[in-house]
Amino acid sequence: MKQLLTVILILALSLPIVAAGENGASKEVPDVETIVNKANIVAYYQGKDGKANVKMTVTNKRNQKRLHEFNILRKDTEDGGDQKYFVYFLKPPDVRKMVYMVHKHADPDKDDDRWLYLPALDLEKRIAAGDKRTSFVGSDFLYEDVSGRSLKEDTHELIKTADKFFIVKNVPKKPDTVEFSYYNVSIDRKTYVPMKMEFYDKDNKLYRVIEAEKVGKIQDFHTVLKSVVSNLKTGSKTEMEFSDVKYNINLKDIFTERYLRRPPREAIR
């Protein structure tokens, strides 16, 4: 009997965690690293490359609106690895032909390379590593939001498994380098699309929320088609709507400084 109880205990401890899924079906709950890695791929690495047109509307607390329109192109080295981004601005006239380019490094010990080309001044500007959590062209999105944050910069904890979402708490490993103390991400259990991000300040007060308001399927890839960020301290919000989304378009190496002043056709059209 003692041996039998020992075997039962060993078997019980070795079983995967199981939770009730939708419609009452049992569903294995992956470990938190698997969850955040899958969510990262869905959010930033769909296909080997891609392109989209983006309309970004900034609304301040007085309900005044400002529209930006740009094309964004992306090329991956590998899933979860280094990436390159090229953002070409179409509207409004005062930022038309402006370019934002990123060489993103998955290694947290290696700073991303970021450039901004300002056509009005005919100026190429390197964006310092410390500026990646500043406003993206006057919006409530940050530069880091556009290309994503390295998973290795935070510790991850699965704090809740609900019917529809995994909720993961993320704490920065270097808290002095960011303005938040932690952020929670609600990840769709079926698609692994991050549906909501809630940022808490150094006083542990919620101050910033990013939500995916519309998700569609493009070329079999689950894709966020509308994203909204709300700044609870300033009362402003910014909406990004994505259209003409395409994946696996075989982009050439257009992500170099020579294209800042003379963007390629893929970026302009």
Protein backbone atom coordinates (compact mmCIF):
# COMPACT_ATOMS: atom_id res chain seq x y z
CA MET A 1 0.00 0.00 0.00
CA LYS A 2 2.82 2.43 0.85
CA GLN A 3 4.47 1.75 -2.52
CA LEU A 4 1.14 2.23 -4.32
CA LEU A 5 0.58 5.60 -2.64
CA THR A 6 4.10 6.66 -3.60
CA VAL A 7 3.47 5.78 -7.27
CA ILE A 8 0.16 7.67 -7.25
CA LEU A 9 1.83 10.73 -5.74
CA ILE A 10 4.62 10.68 -8.35
CA LEU A 11 2.09 10.38 -11.17
CA ALA A 12 0.01 13.23 -9.78
CA LEU A 13 3.00 15.54 -9.53
CA SER A 14 4.12 14.72 -13.07
CA LEU A 15 0.75 15.47 -14.73
CA PRO A 16 0.45 18.73 -16.70
CA ILE A 17 -1.69 21.51 -15.30
CA VAL A 18 -5.17 21.25 -16.78
CA ALA A 19 -7.91 23.86 -16.72
CA ALA A 20 -11.45 23.95 -18.02
CA GLY A 21 -11.43 25.43 -21.52
CA GLU A 22 -14.32 26.92 -23.48
CA ASN A 23 -17.47 24.77 -23.66
CA GLY A 24 -16.24 22.93 -20.58
CA ALA A 25 -13.49 21.10 -22.44
CA SER A 26 -10.22 20.43 -20.62
CA LYS A 27 -7.22 22.23 -21.97
CA GLU A 28 -3.62 21.99 -20.91
CA VAL A 29 -2.14 25.24 -19.62
CA PRO A 30 1.35 25.82 -21.07
CA ASP A 31 4.15 27.22 -18.95
CA VAL A 32 4.48 31.00 -18.94
CA GLU A 33 7.56 31.08 -21.19
CA THR A 34 5.68 29.16 -23.87
CA ILE A 35 2.76 31.56 -23.58
CA VAL A 36 4.80 34.75 -23.88
CA ASN A 37 6.92 33.34 -26.72
CA LYS A 38 3.84 32.37 -28.73
CA ALA A 39 2.23 35.75 -28.07
CA ASN A 40 5.41 37.53 -29.16
CA ILE A 41 5.47 35.62 -32.46
CA VAL A 42 1.81 36.43 -33.14
CA ALA A 43 2.24 40.11 -32.28
CA TYR A 44 5.49 40.83 -34.13
CA TYR A 45 6.66 37.89 -36.27
CA GLN A 46 3.78 36.79 -38.51
CA GLY A 47 5.28 35.59 -41.78
CA LYS A 48 8.94 36.18 -42.67
CA ASP A 49 8.18 39.80 -43.64
CA GLY A 50 5.18 42.09 -44.06
CA LYS A 51 3.69 45.44 -44.93
CA ALA A 52 0.67 47.49 -43.85
CA ASN A 53 -0.86 50.91 -44.24
CA VAL A 54 -1.57 52.57 -40.91
CA LYS A 55 -3.91 55.44 -40.06
CA MET A 56 -3.11 56.82 -36.63
CA THR A 57 -5.51 59.25 -34.95
CA VAL A 58 -4.36 61.14 -31.87
CA THR A 59 -7.15 62.62 -29.71
CA ASN A 60 -6.27 64.92 -26.81
CA LYS A 61 -8.35 65.53 -23.68
CA ARG A 62 -10.11 68.46 -25.43
CA ASN A 63 -11.21 66.02 -28.17
CA GLN A 64 -8.96 67.67 -30.75
CA LYS A 65 -7.77 65.17 -33.34
CA ARG A 66 -4.65 64.84 -35.46
CA LEU A 67 -4.24 62.22 -38.18
CA HIS A 68 -1.03 60.52 -39.28
CA GLU A 69 -0.86 58.04 -42.13
CA PHE A 70 2.15 55.87 -42.87
CA ASN A 71 3.31 52.62 -44.40
CA ILE A 72 5.22 50.17 -42.23
CA LEU A 73 7.45 47.40 -43.54
CA ARG A 74 9.08 44.61 -41.53
CA LYS A 75 11.60 41.86 -42.21
CA ASP A 76 12.63 39.11 -39.76
CA THR A 77 15.95 37.35 -39.35
CA GLU A 78 14.16 34.52 -37.57
CA ASP A 79 11.09 34.03 -35.40
CA GLY A 80 11.72 35.72 -32.07
CA GLY A 81 15.06 37.07 -33.31
CA ASP A 82 16.39 40.27 -34.82
CA GLN A 83 14.12 42.36 -37.05
CA LYS A 84 14.18 45.42 -39.27
CA TYR A 85 11.42 48.03 -39.57
CA PHE A 86 10.92 50.86 -42.07
CA VAL A 87 8.14 53.43 -41.51
CA TYR A 88 7.39 55.96 -44.25
CA PHE A 89 5.02 58.83 -43.45
CA LEU A 90 2.39 59.94 -45.96
CA LYS A 91 0.33 62.45 -43.94
CA PRO A 92 0.03 65.15 -42.63
CA PRO A 93 2.03 67.43 -44.95
CA ASP A 94 4.44 68.59 -42.23
CA VAL A 95 5.75 65.04 -41.72
CA ARG A 96 5.30 63.69 -45.24
CA LYS A 97 8.40 61.76 -46.39
CA MET A 98 9.62 61.41 -42.82
CA VAL A 99 11.19 58.00 -42.17
CA TYR A 100 11.62 55.99 -38.99
CA MET A 101 13.85 52.91 -39.25
CA VAL A 102 14.73 50.28 -36.65
CA HIS A 103 17.22 47.45 -36.49
CA LYS A 104 15.80 45.54 -33.54
CA HIS A 105 18.05 43.19 -31.57
CA ALA A 106 16.62 40.31 -29.57
CA ASP A 107 19.64 40.38 -27.25
CA PRO A 108 18.70 42.76 -24.39
CA ASP A 109 22.37 43.61 -23.85
CA LYS A 110 22.53 45.07 -27.35
CA ASP A 111 20.68 48.33 -27.93
CA ASP A 112 18.39 48.60 -30.95
CA ASP A 113 19.61 50.84 -33.77
CA ARG A 114 17.02 53.52 -34.59
CA TRP A 115 17.04 56.33 -37.12
CA LEU A 116 14.70 59.21 -37.87
CA TYR A 117 14.89 61.17 -41.12
CA LEU A 118 13.37 64.67 -40.97
CA PRO A 119 12.76 65.92 -44.53
CA ALA A 120 12.03 69.53 -43.53
CA LEU A 121 15.57 69.78 -42.19
CA ASP A 122 17.07 67.14 -44.49
CA LEU A 123 18.43 65.62 -41.29
CA GLU A 124 19.22 62.01 -40.37
CA LYS A 125 19.01 61.52 -36.61
CA ARG A 126 20.00 58.53 -34.52
CA ILE A 127 17.53 57.86 -31.72
CA ALA A 128 19.32 57.16 -28.46
CA ALA A 129 18.59 53.90 -26.68
CA GLY A 130 17.09 55.82 -23.78
CA ASP A 131 14.56 57.47 -26.10
CA LYS A 132 12.79 54.27 -27.12
CA ARG A 133 10.15 54.82 -24.44
CA THR A 134 9.31 58.33 -25.59
CA SER A 135 6.32 59.39 -27.70
CA PHE A 136 6.15 58.09 -31.26
CA VAL A 137 5.65 61.29 -33.35
CA GLY A 138 3.48 62.96 -30.72
CA SER A 139 1.13 60.03 -30.16
CA ASP A 140 0.36 57.93 -27.08
CA PHE A 141 2.27 55.04 -28.62
CA LEU A 142 5.95 54.85 -27.77
CA TYR A 143 8.80 54.06 -30.15
CA GLU A 144 9.19 50.71 -28.39
CA ASP A 145 5.50 49.88 -28.97
CA VAL A 146 6.00 50.00 -32.73
CA SER A 147 8.73 47.34 -32.91
CA GLY A 148 8.13 45.54 -29.62
CA ARG A 149 9.99 44.96 -26.38
CA SER A 150 12.46 42.12 -25.94
CA LEU A 151 11.04 39.31 -23.82
CA LYS A 152 14.42 38.99 -22.11
CA GLU A 153 14.07 42.44 -20.57
CA ASP A 154 11.33 41.28 -18.19
CA THR A 155 10.45 38.43 -15.87
CA HIS A 156 7.10 36.79 -16.60
CA GLU A 157 4.53 35.31 -14.26
CA LEU A 158 1.21 33.69 -15.19
CA ILE A 159 -1.08 35.25 -12.60
CA LYS A 160 -4.45 34.10 -13.93
CA THR A 161 -5.96 31.64 -16.39
CA ALA A 162 -9.49 32.70 -17.35
CA ASP A 163 -11.92 31.15 -19.84
CA LYS A 164 -10.66 33.33 -22.69
CA PHE A 165 -7.32 34.74 -21.56
CA PHE A 166 -3.97 34.00 -20.03
CA ILE A 167 -2.99 37.00 -17.89
CA VAL A 168 0.75 37.46 -17.55
CA LYS A 169 2.52 39.90 -15.23
CA ASN A 170 5.78 41.31 -16.59
CA VAL A 171 8.35 42.99 -14.34
CA PRO A 172 11.40 44.80 -15.79
CA LYS A 173 14.76 43.34 -14.86
CA LYS A 174 16.25 46.85 -14.94
CA PRO A 175 13.52 49.01 -13.36
CA ASP A 176 15.63 52.18 -13.48
CA THR A 177 15.57 52.14 -17.29
CA VAL A 178 11.76 52.34 -17.66
CA GLU A 179 8.94 54.49 -16.31
CA PHE A 180 6.68 51.58 -15.27
CA SER A 181 6.93 49.16 -12.37
CA TYR A 182 5.20 46.29 -14.21
CA TYR A 183 2.59 45.57 -16.87
CA ASN A 184 -0.04 42.88 -17.29
CA VAL A 185 -0.91 41.33 -20.65
CA SER A 186 -4.18 39.53 -21.43
CA ILE A 187 -3.44 36.93 -24.13
CA ASP A 188 -6.17 35.18 -26.10
CA ARG A 189 -6.02 31.46 -25.24
CA LYS A 190 -7.05 30.36 -28.74
CA THR A 191 -5.05 32.71 -30.97
CA TYR A 192 -2.32 33.96 -28.61
CA VAL A 193 -3.05 37.51 -29.72
CA PRO A 194 -2.18 39.99 -26.91
CA MET A 195 -5.55 41.69 -26.44
CA LYS A 196 -4.80 44.10 -23.61
CA MET A 197 -1.73 45.58 -21.92
CA GLU A 198 -2.02 47.47 -18.64
CA PHE A 199 0.95 49.51 -17.41
CA TYR A 200 1.39 50.46 -13.75
CA ASP A 201 3.58 53.35 -12.58
CA LYS A 202 6.11 53.39 -9.77
CA ASP A 203 3.25 53.90 -7.28
CA ASN A 204 1.56 50.78 -8.71
CA LYS A 205 -1.25 52.85 -10.24
CA LEU A 206 -2.66 52.01 -13.65
CA TYR A 207 -1.71 54.83 -16.03
CA ARG A 208 -1.59 53.41 -19.56
CA VAL A 209 -3.67 50.83 -21.44
CA ILE A 210 -3.23 49.35 -24.92
CA GLU A 211 -6.14 47.32 -26.35
CA ALA A 212 -6.66 45.36 -29.56
CA GLU A 213 -10.16 46.39 -30.60
CA LYS A 214 -10.32 44.51 -33.90
CA VAL A 215 -8.62 41.29 -34.93
CA GLY A 216 -8.90 39.59 -38.32
CA LYS A 217 -7.28 36.75 -40.24
CA ILE A 218 -4.92 37.72 -43.06
CA GLN A 219 -3.30 34.91 -45.05
CA ASP A 220 -4.07 32.54 -42.16
CA PHE A 221 -2.34 34.86 -39.69
CA HIS A 222 -4.33 36.32 -36.79
CA THR A 223 -3.73 40.06 -37.11
CA VAL A 224 -4.62 43.10 -35.02
CA LEU A 225 -6.45 45.52 -37.33
CA LYS A 226 -7.22 48.21 -34.78
CA SER A 227 -5.25 49.07 -31.66
CA VAL A 228 -5.98 51.83 -29.12
CA VAL A 229 -3.73 53.22 -26.41
CA SER A 230 -5.16 55.37 -23.61
CA ASN A 231 -3.10 57.59 -21.34
CA LEU A 232 -5.05 57.78 -18.09
CA LYS A 233 -2.88 60.62 -16.75
CA THR A 234 -3.27 63.02 -19.68
CA GLY A 235 -6.71 61.94 -20.87
CA SER A 236 -5.47 61.46 -24.43
CA LYS A 237 -5.74 58.39 -26.65
CA THR A 238 -4.37 57.18 -29.96
CA GLU A 239 -5.96 54.76 -32.43
CA MET A 240 -4.06 52.79 -35.05
CA GLU A 241 -6.04 51.20 -37.89
CA PHE A 242 -4.23 48.75 -40.17
CA SER A 243 -5.24 48.09 -43.78
CA ASP A 244 -3.79 46.50 -46.93
CA VAL A 245 -1.91 44.06 -44.68
CA LYS A 246 0.33 41.62 -46.56
CA TYR A 247 2.71 38.91 -45.40
CA ASN A 248 5.58 37.06 -47.09
CA ILE A 249 6.13 39.67 -49.79
CA ASN A 250 9.85 38.92 -50.23
CA LEU A 251 11.22 42.32 -49.25
CA LYS A 252 14.78 43.05 -50.32
CA ASP A 253 17.31 44.66 -48.01
CA ILE A 254 15.80 48.14 -48.03
CA PHE A 255 16.53 48.72 -44.34
CA THR A 256 19.73 50.73 -44.74
CA GLU A 257 20.64 54.38 -44.22
CA ARG A 258 20.86 55.00 -47.96
CA TYR A 259 17.06 54.59 -48.16
CA LEU A 260 16.25 57.18 -45.50
CA ARG A 261 16.43 60.03 -47.99
CA ARG A 262 15.30 57.98 -50.99
CA PRO A 263 12.72 55.46 -49.78
CA PRO A 264 12.09 52.39 -51.96
CA ARG A 265 8.90 51.90 -53.95
CA GLU A 266 7.67 49.31 -51.47
CA ALA A 267 7.55 51.99 -48.77
CA ILE A 268 5.96 54.78 -50.80
CA ARG A 269 3.12 52.79 -52.41
